[in-house]
Amino acid sequence: MGIIGIHGKRYFSVTQSTPTIAYAKQAGVTGKRIFVTDIAGSSDKVGAILDVRQGEETVLFSIQLTQLAATSSPLAFSHTFESPIIGETGTPIWVTVDGTVACKANVSGFIA
């Protein structure tokens, strides 16, 4: 769903939590583009990968979650893009994060 803002922009925020891989997916909309403004993820796995993907194969942004020492706290990452990542017209975009027991992914932005 989402909130309709000024100039017909539809804002969205999608979050998913799972044990081994989280997919926070915003479905594509015919004739519209997805603009990713914010991403976040966390994982219990050292070296977990957080990807922003378009469609099945295209990786638009990727980062490895690391830490300096072993800890019981989950690894976390969040980022606000100064210039949004812009998807192709009608194509879904999602954030993926892998884990061993717990991981969480979030993608936010607008559709226009």
PDB file of N, CA and C in Angstrom:
ATOM      1  N   MET A   1       0.843  -1.183   0.000  1.00  0.00           N
ATOM      2  CA  MET A   1       0.000   0.000   0.000  1.00  0.00           C
ATOM      3  C   MET A   1       0.882   1.237   0.000  1.00  0.00           C
ATOM      4  N   GLY A   2       0.662   2.141   0.899  1.00  0.00           N
ATOM      5  CA  GLY A   2       1.474   3.339   0.976  1.00  0.00           C
ATOM      6  C   GLY A   2       0.619   4.564   1.152  1.00  0.00           C
ATOM      7  N   ILE A   3       1.263   5.656   1.447  1.00  0.00           N
ATOM      8  CA  ILE A   3       0.595   6.929   1.644  1.00  0.00           C
ATOM      9  C   ILE A   3       0.786   7.751   0.381  1.00  0.00           C
ATOM     10  N   ILE A   4      -0.282   8.360  -0.096  1.00  0.00           N
ATOM     11  CA  ILE A   4      -0.178   9.232  -1.270  1.00  0.00           C
ATOM     12  C   ILE A   4       0.228  10.617  -0.786  1.00  0.00           C
ATOM     13  N   GLY A   5       1.350  11.113  -1.299  1.00  0.00           N
ATOM     14  CA  GLY A   5       1.861  12.411  -0.905  1.00  0.00           C
ATOM     15  C   GLY A   5       1.618  13.441  -1.988  1.00  0.00           C
ATOM     16  N   ILE A   6       2.315  14.549  -1.858  1.00  0.00           N
ATOM     17  CA  ILE A   6       2.173  15.608  -2.852  1.00  0.00           C
ATOM     18  C   ILE A   6       2.707  15.137  -4.198  1.00  0.00           C
ATOM     19  N   HIS A   7       2.198  15.686  -5.245  1.00  0.00           N
ATOM     20  CA  HIS A   7       2.594  15.375  -6.613  1.00  0.00           C
ATOM     21  C   HIS A   7       2.366  13.911  -6.968  1.00  0.00           C
ATOM     22  N   GLY A   8       1.438  13.225  -6.287  1.00  0.00           N
ATOM     23  CA  GLY A   8       1.075  11.866  -6.635  1.00  0.00           C
ATOM     24  C   GLY A   8       2.091  10.801  -6.250  1.00  0.00           C
ATOM     25  N   LYS A   9       3.085  11.145  -5.450  1.00  0.00           N
ATOM     26  CA  LYS A   9       4.054  10.156  -4.997  1.00  0.00           C
ATOM     27  C   LYS A   9       3.384   9.229  -3.983  1.00  0.00           C
ATOM     28  N   ARG A  10       3.635   7.938  -4.110  1.00  0.00           N
ATOM     29  CA  ARG A  10       3.140   6.977  -3.139  1.00  0.00           C
ATOM     30  C   ARG A  10       4.335   6.499  -2.318  1.00  0.00           C
ATOM     31  N   TYR A  11       4.325   6.806  -1.034  1.00  0.00           N
ATOM     32  CA  TYR A  11       5.432   6.441  -0.157  1.00  0.00           C
ATOM     33  C   TYR A  11       5.231   5.023   0.367  1.00  0.00           C
ATOM     34  N   PHE A  12       6.346   4.307   0.593  1.00  0.00           N
ATOM     35  CA  PHE A  12       6.264   2.935   1.086  1.00  0.00           C
ATOM     36  C   PHE A  12       7.398   2.645   2.059  1.00  0.00           C
ATOM     37  N   SER A  13       7.190   1.661   2.895  1.00  0.00           N
ATOM     38  CA  SER A  13       8.214   1.105   3.766  1.00  0.00           C
ATOM     39  C   SER A  13       7.853  -0.357   3.967  1.00  0.00           C
ATOM     40  N   VAL A  14       8.762  -1.264   3.610  1.00  0.00           N
ATOM     41  CA  VAL A  14       8.506  -2.701   3.686  1.00  0.00           C
ATOM     42  C   VAL A  14       9.597  -3.327   4.551  1.00  0.00           C
ATOM     43  N   THR A  15       9.185  -4.140   5.532  1.00  0.00           N
ATOM     44  CA  THR A  15      10.121  -4.815   6.430  1.00  0.00           C
ATOM     45  C   THR A  15       9.790  -6.293   6.486  1.00  0.00           C
ATOM     46  N   GLN A  16      10.834  -7.125   6.564  1.00  0.00           N
ATOM     47  CA  GLN A  16      10.628  -8.558   6.766  1.00  0.00           C
ATOM     48  C   GLN A  16      11.711  -9.084   7.703  1.00  0.00           C
ATOM     49  N   SER A  17      11.319  -9.981   8.605  1.00  0.00           N
ATOM     50  CA  SER A  17      12.249 -10.665   9.502  1.00  0.00           C
ATOM     51  C   SER A  17      12.091 -12.164   9.312  1.00  0.00           C
ATOM     52  N   THR A  18      13.208 -12.887   9.192  1.00  0.00           N
ATOM     53  CA  THR A  18      13.195 -14.340   9.061  1.00  0.00           C
ATOM     54  C   THR A  18      14.469 -14.899   9.690  1.00  0.00           C
ATOM     55  N   PRO A  19      14.553 -16.219   9.849  1.00  0.00           N
ATOM     56  CA  PRO A  19      15.768 -16.794  10.423  1.00  0.00           C
ATOM     57  C   PRO A  19      16.997 -16.716   9.516  1.00  0.00           C
ATOM     58  N   THR A  20      16.886 -17.067   8.237  1.00  0.00           N
ATOM     59  CA  THR A  20      18.098 -17.221   7.428  1.00  0.00           C
ATOM     60  C   THR A  20      18.271 -16.236   6.274  1.00  0.00           C
ATOM     61  N   ILE A  21      17.206 -15.708   5.708  1.00  0.00           N
ATOM     62  CA  ILE A  21      17.343 -14.663   4.679  1.00  0.00           C
ATOM     63  C   ILE A  21      16.060 -13.847   4.645  1.00  0.00           C
ATOM     64  N   ALA A  22      16.217 -12.535   4.736  1.00  0.00           N
ATOM     65  CA  ALA A  22      15.061 -11.635   4.751  1.00  0.00           C
ATOM     66  C   ALA A  22      14.975 -10.913   3.411  1.00  0.00           C
ATOM     67  N   TYR A  23      13.778 -10.856   2.851  1.00  0.00           N
ATOM     68  CA  TYR A  23      13.495 -10.140   1.606  1.00  0.00           C
ATOM     69  C   TYR A  23      12.433  -9.082   1.890  1.00  0.00           C
ATOM     70  N   ALA A  24      12.812  -7.815   1.888  1.00  0.00           N
ATOM     71  CA  ALA A  24      11.842  -6.729   2.007  1.00  0.00           C
ATOM     72  C   ALA A  24      11.592  -6.230   0.591  1.00  0.00           C
ATOM     73  N   LYS A  25      10.456  -6.607   0.019  1.00  0.00           N
ATOM     74  CA  LYS A  25      10.211  -6.376  -1.407  1.00  0.00           C
ATOM     75  C   LYS A  25       9.081  -5.381  -1.635  1.00  0.00           C
ATOM     76  N   GLN A  26       9.348  -4.396  -2.501  1.00  0.00           N
ATOM     77  CA  GLN A  26       8.320  -3.482  -2.984  1.00  0.00           C
ATOM     78  C   GLN A  26       8.002  -3.880  -4.416  1.00  0.00           C
ATOM     79  N   ALA A  27       6.777  -4.288  -4.647  1.00  0.00           N
ATOM     80  CA  ALA A  27       6.351  -4.728  -5.977  1.00  0.00           C
ATOM     81  C   ALA A  27       6.420  -3.581  -6.978  1.00  0.00           C
ATOM     82  N   GLY A  28       6.720  -3.923  -8.207  1.00  0.00           N
ATOM     83  CA  GLY A  28       6.728  -2.939  -9.282  1.00  0.00           C
ATOM     84  C   GLY A  28       5.319  -2.498  -9.624  1.00  0.00           C
ATOM     85  N   VAL A  29       5.190  -1.305 -10.180  1.00  0.00           N
ATOM     86  CA  VAL A  29       3.904  -0.744 -10.573  1.00  0.00           C
ATOM     87  C   VAL A  29       4.005  -0.357 -12.047  1.00  0.00           C
ATOM     88  N   THR A  30       3.073  -0.831 -12.852  1.00  0.00           N
ATOM     89  CA  THR A  30       3.083  -0.554 -14.282  1.00  0.00           C
ATOM     90  C   THR A  30       3.156   0.950 -14.541  1.00  0.00           C
ATOM     91  N   GLY A  31       4.120   1.346 -15.363  1.00  0.00           N
ATOM     92  CA  GLY A  31       4.264   2.745 -15.748  1.00  0.00           C
ATOM     93  C   GLY A  31       4.904   3.636 -14.698  1.00  0.00           C
ATOM     94  N   LYS A  32       5.334   3.071 -13.576  1.00  0.00           N
ATOM     95  CA  LYS A  32       5.929   3.866 -12.485  1.00  0.00           C
ATOM     96  C   LYS A  32       7.309   3.336 -12.145  1.00  0.00           C
ATOM     97  N   ARG A  33       8.112   4.186 -11.536  1.00  0.00           N
ATOM     98  CA  ARG A  33       9.443   3.810 -11.063  1.00  0.00           C
ATOM     99  C   ARG A  33       9.462   3.825  -9.542  1.00  0.00           C
ATOM    100  N   ILE A  34      10.311   2.970  -8.973  1.00  0.00           N
ATOM    101  CA  ILE A  34      10.519   2.946  -7.529  1.00  0.00           C
ATOM    102  C   ILE A  34      11.781   3.738  -7.220  1.00  0.00           C
ATOM    103  N   PHE A  35      11.676   4.655  -6.261  1.00  0.00           N
ATOM    104  CA  PHE A  35      12.793   5.466  -5.801  1.00  0.00           C
ATOM    105  C   PHE A  35      13.126   5.020  -4.378  1.00  0.00           C
ATOM    106  N   VAL A  36      14.295   4.418  -4.186  1.00  0.00           N
ATOM    107  CA  VAL A  36      14.710   3.940  -2.866  1.00  0.00           C
ATOM    108  C   VAL A  36      15.464   5.068  -2.169  1.00  0.00           C
ATOM    109  N   THR A  37      14.913   5.508  -1.023  1.00  0.00           N
ATOM    110  CA  THR A  37      15.545   6.592  -0.272  1.00  0.00           C
ATOM    111  C   THR A  37      16.277   6.094   0.969  1.00  0.00           C
ATOM    112  N   ASP A  38      15.816   4.971   1.546  1.00  0.00           N
ATOM    113  CA  ASP A  38      16.398   4.458   2.789  1.00  0.00           C
ATOM    114  C   ASP A  38      16.417   2.935   2.772  1.00  0.00           C
ATOM    115  N   ILE A  39      17.485   2.376   3.358  1.00  0.00           N
ATOM    116  CA  ILE A  39      17.566   0.929   3.537  1.00  0.00           C
ATOM    117  C   ILE A  39      18.067   0.650   4.952  1.00  0.00           C
ATOM    118  N   ALA A  40      17.746  -0.521   5.461  1.00  0.00           N
ATOM    119  CA  ALA A  40      18.250  -0.954   6.759  1.00  0.00           C
ATOM    120  C   ALA A  40      18.249  -2.468   6.800  1.00  0.00           C
ATOM    121  N   GLY A  41      19.130  -3.003   7.601  1.00  0.00           N
ATOM    122  CA  GLY A  41      19.165  -4.446   7.777  1.00  0.00           C
ATOM    123  C   GLY A  41      19.956  -4.808   9.011  1.00  0.00           C
ATOM    124  N   SER A  42      19.680  -5.988   9.534  1.00  0.00           N
ATOM    125  CA  SER A  42      20.452  -6.511  10.650  1.00  0.00           C
ATOM    126  C   SER A  42      20.544  -8.024  10.500  1.00  0.00           C
ATOM    127  N   SER A  43      21.590  -8.594  11.109  1.00  0.00           N
ATOM    128  CA  SER A  43      21.816 -10.026  11.006  1.00  0.00           C
ATOM    129  C   SER A  43      22.666 -10.500  12.177  1.00  0.00           C
ATOM    130  N   ASP A  44      22.479 -11.753  12.542  1.00  0.00           N
ATOM    131  CA  ASP A  44      23.324 -12.368  13.558  1.00  0.00           C
ATOM    132  C   ASP A  44      24.578 -12.977  12.934  1.00  0.00           C
ATOM    133  N   LYS A  45      24.693 -12.948  11.631  1.00  0.00           N
ATOM    134  CA  LYS A  45      25.790 -13.607  10.911  1.00  0.00           C
ATOM    135  C   LYS A  45      26.915 -12.615  10.601  1.00  0.00           C
ATOM    136  N   VAL A  46      28.116 -12.890  11.099  1.00  0.00           N
ATOM    137  CA  VAL A  46      29.272 -12.071  10.766  1.00  0.00           C
ATOM    138  C   VAL A  46      29.543 -12.234   9.275  1.00  0.00           C
ATOM    139  N   GLY A  47      29.694 -11.117   8.593  1.00  0.00           N
ATOM    140  CA  GLY A  47      29.929 -11.164   7.156  1.00  0.00           C
ATOM    141  C   GLY A  47      28.654 -11.255   6.331  1.00  0.00           C
ATOM    142  N   ALA A  48      27.508 -11.022   6.955  1.00  0.00           N
ATOM    143  CA  ALA A  48      26.240 -11.038   6.218  1.00  0.00           C
ATOM    144  C   ALA A  48      26.284 -10.001   5.099  1.00  0.00           C
ATOM    145  N   ILE A  49      25.563 -10.276   4.026  1.00  0.00           N
ATOM    146  CA  ILE A  49      25.497  -9.372   2.874  1.00  0.00           C
ATOM    147  C   ILE A  49      24.122  -8.720   2.818  1.00  0.00           C
ATOM    148  N   LEU A  50      24.108  -7.388   2.676  1.00  0.00           N
ATOM    149  CA  LEU A  50      22.877  -6.636   2.462  1.00  0.00           C
ATOM    150  C   LEU A  50      22.925  -6.147   1.018  1.00  0.00           C
ATOM    151  N   ASP A  51      21.919  -6.538   0.232  1.00  0.00           N
ATOM    152  CA  ASP A  51      21.831  -6.134  -1.175  1.00  0.00           C
ATOM    153  C   ASP A  51      20.553  -5.353  -1.425  1.00  0.00           C
ATOM    154  N   VAL A  52      20.629  -4.367  -2.314  1.00  0.00           N
ATOM    155  CA  VAL A  52      19.441  -3.759  -2.904  1.00  0.00           C
ATOM    156  C   VAL A  52      19.383  -4.325  -4.311  1.00  0.00           C
ATOM    157  N   ARG A  53      18.291  -5.005  -4.632  1.00  0.00           N
ATOM    158  CA  ARG A  53      18.164  -5.693  -5.919  1.00  0.00           C
ATOM    159  C   ARG A  53      16.989  -5.147  -6.712  1.00  0.00           C
ATOM    160  N   GLN A  54      17.154  -5.214  -8.031  1.00  0.00           N
ATOM    161  CA  GLN A  54      16.074  -4.887  -8.960  1.00  0.00           C
ATOM    162  C   GLN A  54      15.841  -6.137  -9.787  1.00  0.00           C
ATOM    163  N   GLY A  55      14.626  -6.642  -9.767  1.00  0.00           N
ATOM    164  CA  GLY A  55      14.359  -7.888 -10.463  1.00  0.00           C
ATOM    165  C   GLY A  55      15.136  -9.020  -9.800  1.00  0.00           C
ATOM    166  N   GLU A  56      15.328 -10.112 -10.510  1.00  0.00           N
ATOM    167  CA  GLU A  56      15.985 -11.284  -9.934  1.00  0.00           C
ATOM    168  C   GLU A  56      17.507 -11.175  -9.876  1.00  0.00           C
ATOM    169  N   GLU A  57      18.115 -10.525 -10.849  1.00  0.00           N
ATOM    170  CA  GLU A  57      19.563 -10.610 -11.001  1.00  0.00           C
ATOM    171  C   GLU A  57      20.344  -9.327 -10.713  1.00  0.00           C
ATOM    172  N   THR A  58      19.758  -8.170 -10.914  1.00  0.00           N
ATOM    173  CA  THR A  58      20.519  -6.921 -10.872  1.00  0.00           C
ATOM    174  C   THR A  58      20.712  -6.412  -9.443  1.00  0.00           C
ATOM    175  N   VAL A  59      21.970  -6.301  -9.006  1.00  0.00           N
ATOM    176  CA  VAL A  59      22.298  -5.745  -7.697  1.00  0.00           C
ATOM    177  C   VAL A  59      22.640  -4.259  -7.895  1.00  0.00           C
ATOM    178  N   LEU A  60      21.865  -3.392  -7.243  1.00  0.00           N
ATOM    179  CA  LEU A  60      22.059  -1.954  -7.375  1.00  0.00           C
ATOM    180  C   LEU A  60      22.986  -1.391  -6.301  1.00  0.00           C
ATOM    181  N   PHE A  61      23.058  -2.074  -5.152  1.00  0.00           N
ATOM    182  CA  PHE A  61      23.878  -1.639  -4.020  1.00  0.00           C
ATOM    183  C   PHE A  61      24.138  -2.862  -3.162  1.00  0.00           C
ATOM    184  N   SER A  62      25.350  -2.994  -2.642  1.00  0.00           N
ATOM    185  CA  SER A  62      25.686  -4.145  -1.804  1.00  0.00           C
ATOM    186  C   SER A  62      26.698  -3.741  -0.753  1.00  0.00           C
ATOM    187  N   ILE A  63      26.549  -4.281   0.459  1.00  0.00           N
ATOM    188  CA  ILE A  63      27.512  -4.025   1.525  1.00  0.00           C
ATOM    189  C   ILE A  63      27.592  -5.262   2.412  1.00  0.00           C
ATOM    190  N   GLN A  64      28.791  -5.529   2.902  1.00  0.00           N
ATOM    191  CA  GLN A  64      28.984  -6.646   3.824  1.00  0.00           C
ATOM    192  C   GLN A  64      28.960  -6.096   5.245  1.00  0.00           C
ATOM    193  N   LEU A  65      28.151  -6.727   6.103  1.00  0.00           N
ATOM    194  CA  LEU A  65      28.049  -6.316   7.494  1.00  0.00           C
ATOM    195  C   LEU A  65      29.189  -6.964   8.270  1.00  0.00           C
ATOM    196  N   THR A  66      30.023  -6.147   8.905  1.00  0.00           N
ATOM    197  CA  THR A  66      31.176  -6.669   9.627  1.00  0.00           C
ATOM    198  C   THR A  66      31.234  -6.097  11.032  1.00  0.00           C
ATOM    199  N   GLN A  67      32.033  -6.728  11.856  1.00  0.00           N
ATOM    200  CA  GLN A  67      32.263  -6.230  13.207  1.00  0.00           C
ATOM    201  C   GLN A  67      33.708  -6.514  13.572  1.00  0.00           C
ATOM    202  N   LEU A  68      34.208  -5.789  14.549  1.00  0.00           N
ATOM    203  CA  LEU A  68      35.610  -5.932  14.922  1.00  0.00           C
ATOM    204  C   LEU A  68      35.858  -7.088  15.880  1.00  0.00           C
ATOM    205  N   ALA A  69      34.876  -7.433  16.708  1.00  0.00           N
ATOM    206  CA  ALA A  69      35.054  -8.512  17.678  1.00  0.00           C
ATOM    207  C   ALA A  69      33.755  -9.279  17.836  1.00  0.00           C
ATOM    208  N   ALA A  70      33.859 -10.508  18.301  1.00  0.00           N
ATOM    209  CA  ALA A  70      32.667 -11.330  18.521  1.00  0.00           C
ATOM    210  C   ALA A  70      31.779 -10.665  19.576  1.00  0.00           C
ATOM    211  N   THR A  71      30.500 -10.693  19.323  1.00  0.00           N
ATOM    212  CA  THR A  71      29.532 -10.096  20.240  1.00  0.00           C
ATOM    213  C   THR A  71      28.205 -10.815  20.076  1.00  0.00           C
ATOM    214  N   SER A  72      27.371 -10.720  21.074  1.00  0.00           N
ATOM    215  CA  SER A  72      26.043 -11.337  20.966  1.00  0.00           C
ATOM    216  C   SER A  72      25.043 -10.399  20.299  1.00  0.00           C
ATOM    217  N   SER A  73      25.441  -9.154  20.069  1.00  0.00           N
ATOM    218  CA  SER A  73      24.550  -8.180  19.439  1.00  0.00           C
ATOM    219  C   SER A  73      24.489  -8.418  17.934  1.00  0.00           C
ATOM    220  N   PRO A  74      23.330  -8.195  17.316  1.00  0.00           N
ATOM    221  CA  PRO A  74      23.256  -8.341  15.862  1.00  0.00           C
ATOM    222  C   PRO A  74      24.016  -7.215  15.159  1.00  0.00           C
ATOM    223  N   LEU A  75      24.489  -7.516  13.980  1.00  0.00           N
ATOM    224  CA  LEU A  75      25.117  -6.511  13.126  1.00  0.00           C
ATOM    225  C   LEU A  75      24.002  -5.713  12.472  1.00  0.00           C
ATOM    226  N   ALA A  76      24.147  -4.407  12.435  1.00  0.00           N
ATOM    227  CA  ALA A  76      23.080  -3.584  11.875  1.00  0.00           C
ATOM    228  C   ALA A  76      23.664  -2.533  10.936  1.00  0.00           C
ATOM    229  N   PHE A  77      22.859  -2.169   9.931  1.00  0.00           N
ATOM    230  CA  PHE A  77      23.254  -1.166   8.959  1.00  0.00           C
ATOM    231  C   PHE A  77      22.016  -0.398   8.540  1.00  0.00           C
ATOM    232  N   SER A  78      22.140   0.924   8.421  1.00  0.00           N
ATOM    233  CA  SER A  78      21.064   1.729   7.837  1.00  0.00           C
ATOM    234  C   SER A  78      21.710   2.847   7.038  1.00  0.00           C
ATOM    235  N   HIS A  79      21.006   3.277   6.004  1.00  0.00           N
ATOM    236  CA  HIS A  79      21.566   4.305   5.135  1.00  0.00           C
ATOM    237  C   HIS A  79      20.440   5.082   4.467  1.00  0.00           C
ATOM    238  N   THR A  80      20.610   6.399   4.404  1.00  0.00           N
ATOM    239  CA  THR A  80      19.717   7.269   3.649  1.00  0.00           C
ATOM    240  C   THR A  80      20.507   7.793   2.459  1.00  0.00           C
ATOM    241  N   PHE A  81      19.981   7.570   1.266  1.00  0.00           N
ATOM    242  CA  PHE A  81      20.658   8.003   0.048  1.00  0.00           C
ATOM    243  C   PHE A  81      20.365   9.475  -0.226  1.00  0.00           C
ATOM    244  N   GLU A  82      21.423  10.278  -0.465  1.00  0.00           N
ATOM    245  CA  GLU A  82      21.223  11.680  -0.844  1.00  0.00           C
ATOM    246  C   GLU A  82      20.448  11.771  -2.146  1.00  0.00           C
ATOM    247  N   SER A  83      20.830  10.938  -3.096  1.00  0.00           N
ATOM    248  CA  SER A  83      20.111  10.805  -4.358  1.00  0.00           C
ATOM    249  C   SER A  83      19.533   9.394  -4.372  1.00  0.00           C
ATOM    250  N   PRO A  84      18.222   9.253  -4.488  1.00  0.00           N
ATOM    251  CA  PRO A  84      17.614   7.915  -4.420  1.00  0.00           C
ATOM    252  C   PRO A  84      18.136   6.969  -5.499  1.00  0.00           C
ATOM    253  N   ILE A  85      18.127   5.687  -5.179  1.00  0.00           N
ATOM    254  CA  ILE A  85      18.338   4.665  -6.189  1.00  0.00           C
ATOM    255  C   ILE A  85      17.036   4.586  -6.978  1.00  0.00           C
ATOM    256  N   ILE A  86      17.103   4.684  -8.297  1.00  0.00           N
ATOM    257  CA  ILE A  86      15.899   4.711  -9.132  1.00  0.00           C
ATOM    258  C   ILE A  86      15.811   3.422  -9.935  1.00  0.00           C
ATOM    259  N   GLY A  87      14.731   2.703  -9.736  1.00  0.00           N
ATOM    260  CA  GLY A  87      14.517   1.460 -10.464  1.00  0.00           C
ATOM    261  C   GLY A  87      13.959   1.699 -11.854  1.00  0.00           C
ATOM    262  N   GLU A  88      14.014   0.663 -12.658  1.00  0.00           N
ATOM    263  CA  GLU A  88      13.426   0.733 -13.996  1.00  0.00           C
ATOM    264  C   GLU A  88      11.908   0.710 -13.886  1.00  0.00           C
ATOM    265  N   THR A  89      11.235   1.275 -14.851  1.00  0.00           N
ATOM    266  CA  THR A  89       9.775   1.349 -14.854  1.00  0.00           C
ATOM    267  C   THR A  89       9.150  -0.034 -14.704  1.00  0.00           C
ATOM    268  N   GLY A  90       8.250  -0.153 -13.731  1.00  0.00           N
ATOM    269  CA  GLY A  90       7.475  -1.379 -13.532  1.00  0.00           C
ATOM    270  C   GLY A  90       8.214  -2.530 -12.872  1.00  0.00           C
ATOM    271  N   THR A  91       9.443  -2.318 -12.422  1.00  0.00           N
ATOM    272  CA  THR A  91      10.267  -3.403 -11.888  1.00  0.00           C
ATOM    273  C   THR A  91      10.286  -3.378 -10.362  1.00  0.00           C
ATOM    274  N   PRO A  92      10.132  -4.547  -9.708  1.00  0.00           N
ATOM    275  CA  PRO A  92      10.201  -4.585  -8.241  1.00  0.00           C
ATOM    276  C   PRO A  92      11.621  -4.340  -7.738  1.00  0.00           C
ATOM    277  N   ILE A  93      11.704  -3.833  -6.518  1.00  0.00           N
ATOM    278  CA  ILE A  93      12.992  -3.640  -5.849  1.00  0.00           C
ATOM    279  C   ILE A  93      12.866  -4.205  -4.447  1.00  0.00           C
ATOM    280  N   TRP A  94      13.947  -4.850  -3.989  1.00  0.00           N
ATOM    281  CA  TRP A  94      13.926  -5.354  -2.622  1.00  0.00           C
ATOM    282  C   TRP A  94      15.302  -5.304  -1.998  1.00  0.00           C
ATOM    283  N   VAL A  95      15.300  -5.366  -0.661  1.00  0.00           N
ATOM    284  CA  VAL A  95      16.522  -5.467   0.125  1.00  0.00           C
ATOM    285  C   VAL A  95      16.582  -6.879   0.667  1.00  0.00           C
ATOM    286  N   THR A  96      17.748  -7.528   0.549  1.00  0.00           N
ATOM    287  CA  THR A  96      17.943  -8.858   1.115  1.00  0.00           C
ATOM    288  C   THR A  96      19.075  -8.801   2.131  1.00  0.00           C
ATOM    289  N   VAL A  97      18.928  -9.593   3.195  1.00  0.00           N
ATOM    290  CA  VAL A  97      19.964  -9.752   4.217  1.00  0.00           C
ATOM    291  C   VAL A  97      19.970 -11.219   4.610  1.00  0.00           C
ATOM    292  N   ASP A  98      21.170 -11.820   4.707  1.00  0.00           N
ATOM    293  CA  ASP A  98      21.238 -13.214   5.139  1.00  0.00           C
ATOM    294  C   ASP A  98      21.657 -13.302   6.603  1.00  0.00           C
ATOM    295  N   GLY A  99      21.311 -14.441   7.229  1.00  0.00           N
ATOM    296  CA  GLY A  99      21.650 -14.656   8.630  1.00  0.00           C
ATOM    297  C   GLY A  99      21.737 -16.137   8.928  1.00  0.00           C
ATOM    298  N   THR A 100      21.994 -16.474  10.176  1.00  0.00           N
ATOM    299  CA  THR A 100      22.017 -17.880  10.584  1.00  0.00           C
ATOM    300  C   THR A 100      20.801 -18.226  11.436  1.00  0.00           C
ATOM    301  N   VAL A 101      20.391 -17.315  12.310  1.00  0.00           N
ATOM    302  CA  VAL A 101      19.226 -17.543  13.171  1.00  0.00           C
ATOM    303  C   VAL A 101      18.226 -16.390  13.079  1.00  0.00           C
ATOM    304  N   ALA A 102      18.705 -15.180  12.801  1.00  0.00           N
ATOM    305  CA  ALA A 102      17.808 -14.021  12.767  1.00  0.00           C
ATOM    306  C   ALA A 102      18.367 -12.942  11.840  1.00  0.00           C
ATOM    307  N   CYS A 103      17.506 -12.423  10.966  1.00  0.00           N
ATOM    308  CA  CYS A 103      17.897 -11.288  10.137  1.00  0.00           C
ATOM    309  C   CYS A 103      16.652 -10.473   9.800  1.00  0.00           C
ATOM    310  N   LYS A 104      16.883  -9.223   9.456  1.00  0.00           N
ATOM    311  CA  LYS A 104      15.785  -8.293   9.183  1.00  0.00           C
ATOM    312  C   LYS A 104      16.204  -7.358   8.060  1.00  0.00           C
ATOM    313  N   ALA A 105      15.275  -7.036   7.175  1.00  0.00           N
ATOM    314  CA  ALA A 105      15.546  -6.141   6.056  1.00  0.00           C
ATOM    315  C   ALA A 105      14.429  -5.101   5.931  1.00  0.00           C
ATOM    316  N   ASN A 106      14.797  -3.889   5.521  1.00  0.00           N
ATOM    317  CA  ASN A 106      13.810  -2.825   5.302  1.00  0.00           C
ATOM    318  C   ASN A 106      14.222  -2.007   4.089  1.00  0.00           C
ATOM    319  N   VAL A 107      13.220  -1.639   3.292  1.00  0.00           N
ATOM    320  CA  VAL A 107      13.418  -0.721   2.172  1.00  0.00           C
ATOM    321  C   VAL A 107      12.292   0.314   2.221  1.00  0.00           C
ATOM    322  N   SER A 108      12.665   1.589   2.031  1.00  0.00           N
ATOM    323  CA  SER A 108      11.682   2.677   2.059  1.00  0.00           C
ATOM    324  C   SER A 108      11.948   3.617   0.892  1.00  0.00           C
ATOM    325  N   GLY A 109      10.900   4.328   0.486  1.00  0.00           N
ATOM    326  CA  GLY A 109      11.054   5.297  -0.580  1.00  0.00           C
ATOM    327  C   GLY A 109       9.702   5.728  -1.108  1.00  0.00           C
ATOM    328  N   PHE A 110       9.646   5.997  -2.408  1.00  0.00           N
ATOM    329  CA  PHE A 110       8.379   6.400  -3.023  1.00  0.00           C
ATOM    330  C   PHE A 110       8.300   5.878  -4.444  1.00  0.00           C
ATOM    331  N   ILE A 111       7.081   5.863  -4.954  1.00  0.00           N
ATOM    332  CA  ILE A 111       6.793   5.402  -6.312  1.00  0.00           C
ATOM    333  C   ILE A 111       6.214   6.586  -7.074  1.00  0.00           C
ATOM    334  N   ALA A 112       6.765   6.851  -8.256  1.00  0.00           N
ATOM    335  CA  ALA A 112       6.258   7.982  -9.053  1.00  0.00           C
ATOM    336  C   ALA A 112       6.400   7.665 -10.534  1.00  0.00           C
TER     337      ALA A 112
END
